[in-house]
Protein backbone atom coordinates (compact mmCIF):
# COMPACT_ATOMS: atom_id res chain seq x y z
CA PRO A 1 -0.26 -12.55 14.38
CA PRO A 2 1.49 -15.79 13.51
CA TYR A 3 2.83 -14.46 10.18
CA LEU A 4 5.11 -12.14 12.09
CA PHE A 5 7.10 -15.18 13.21
CA LYS A 6 8.09 -16.00 9.57
CA GLY A 7 10.98 -13.51 9.50
CA GLY A 8 11.72 -9.80 9.23
CA ARG A 9 9.23 -7.20 8.10
CA PRO A 10 10.02 -5.46 4.79
CA GLN A 11 10.56 -1.71 5.04
CA ILE A 12 9.43 1.11 2.85
CA LEU A 13 12.64 3.26 2.89
CA SER A 14 11.43 6.17 0.83
CA MET A 15 8.31 7.33 -0.92
CA ALA A 16 7.73 10.04 -3.52
CA GLY A 17 5.29 12.11 -1.40
CA ASP A 18 2.08 11.18 0.37
CA GLN A 19 -0.33 12.85 -2.10
CA TRP A 20 -1.37 10.45 -4.86
CA ALA A 21 -3.40 11.34 -7.93
CA TYR A 22 -5.60 8.93 -9.87
CA GLY A 23 -3.90 7.18 -12.81
CA THR A 24 -0.34 7.98 -11.75
CA THR A 25 2.66 5.84 -10.94
CA LYS A 26 4.42 6.48 -7.63
CA GLN A 27 7.98 5.35 -6.84
CA ILE A 28 8.93 3.76 -3.53
CA THR A 29 12.17 2.25 -2.34
CA VAL A 30 12.12 -0.90 -0.29
CA ASP A 31 14.87 -2.84 1.57
CA GLY A 32 14.44 -6.14 -0.29
CA PRO A 33 12.23 -8.20 -2.62
CA ILE A 34 8.46 -7.91 -2.19
CA LEU A 35 5.51 -9.93 -3.48
CA LYS A 36 2.81 -7.26 -3.62
CA ALA A 37 1.72 -3.81 -2.57
CA ALA A 38 -1.73 -2.51 -1.56
CA LEU A 39 -3.62 0.41 -0.21
CA ILE A 40 -5.98 -0.24 2.68
CA ARG A 41 -8.59 2.30 3.68
CA PRO A 42 -9.05 2.39 7.42
CA GLU A 43 -12.38 1.46 8.93
CA ALA A 44 -14.70 3.88 10.69
CA VAL A 45 -14.24 3.94 14.52
CA THR A 46 -17.91 4.78 15.16
CA HIS A 47 -19.65 1.93 13.34
CA SER A 48 -19.47 -1.88 13.46
CA SER A 49 -19.55 -2.13 9.65
CA ASP A 50 -18.05 0.25 7.13
CA PRO A 51 -18.99 0.14 3.40
CA ASN A 52 -16.16 2.60 2.60
CA GLN A 53 -13.39 0.25 3.81
CA ARG A 54 -11.29 -0.85 0.82
CA TYR A 55 -8.38 -3.07 -0.22
CA VAL A 56 -6.81 -1.71 -3.43
CA ASP A 57 -4.21 -3.92 -5.11
CA LEU A 58 -1.44 -1.92 -6.75
CA PRO A 59 0.15 -3.30 -9.90
CA MET A 60 3.96 -3.00 -9.66
CA THR A 61 6.94 -2.35 -11.89
CA VAL A 62 10.13 -3.61 -10.14
CA THR A 63 13.63 -2.34 -10.80
CA GLY A 64 15.83 -3.70 -8.06
CA ASN A 65 14.66 -2.13 -4.79
CA THR A 66 12.78 0.63 -6.60
CA ILE A 67 9.11 -0.13 -7.11
CA GLY A 68 6.69 1.78 -9.35
CA LEU A 69 3.16 1.49 -7.99
CA ASN A 70 0.30 2.13 -10.41
CA LEU A 71 -2.77 3.73 -8.89
CA THR A 72 -6.11 3.11 -10.62
CA SER A 73 -7.71 5.95 -12.55
CA ASN A 74 -11.15 4.85 -11.33
CA PRO A 75 -12.28 6.71 -8.17
CA ASN A 76 -15.04 4.11 -7.69
CA LEU A 77 -12.35 1.53 -6.82
CA ALA A 78 -10.48 3.88 -4.52
CA PRO A 79 -12.58 6.80 -3.30
CA PRO A 80 -10.66 9.91 -2.31
CA GLY A 81 -9.18 9.91 1.19
CA TRP A 82 -6.41 8.57 3.35
CA TYR A 83 -5.11 5.01 2.86
CA MET A 84 -2.43 2.83 4.48
CA LEU A 85 0.22 1.63 2.00
CA TYR A 86 1.65 -1.82 2.72
CA VAL A 87 4.20 -4.01 0.96
CA VAL A 88 4.41 -7.75 1.54
CA GLY A 89 7.83 -9.44 1.55
CA THR A 90 8.58 -12.76 -0.09
CA ASN A 91 8.11 -14.47 3.29
CA GLY A 92 4.47 -13.25 3.42
CA VAL A 93 5.07 -10.71 6.12
CA PRO A 94 3.63 -7.17 5.71
CA SER A 95 5.52 -3.92 6.30
CA VAL A 96 4.53 -1.18 8.69
CA ALA A 97 2.07 1.07 6.92
CA GLN A 98 2.83 4.48 5.39
CA TRP A 99 -0.11 6.93 5.08
CA VAL A 100 -0.96 8.32 1.61
CA GLN A 101 -3.84 10.54 0.49
CA VAL A 102 -5.60 9.65 -2.76
CA LYS A 103 -7.22 12.57 -4.55
């Protein structure tokens, strides 16, 4: 995709576990400034449309390169299951995903 020509991809250097509970704040460490973070639920591989696919924006608290990500307490917005965690750098380029399980 063309956005990958805008510069380097941000990296998630560490993450406080891959099991996330509703209404909690999880800490991650990144390699530089980021604009946003989100969870994306993968699509079904057996159907052409998937009503369970989701994009869940994660409100952030930033302290240098340590980011606190706040997960919603509403399971209707993020049903239980596996999600891909992405961060987006200030150049608009997304990171490589890290898998997290919401339960």
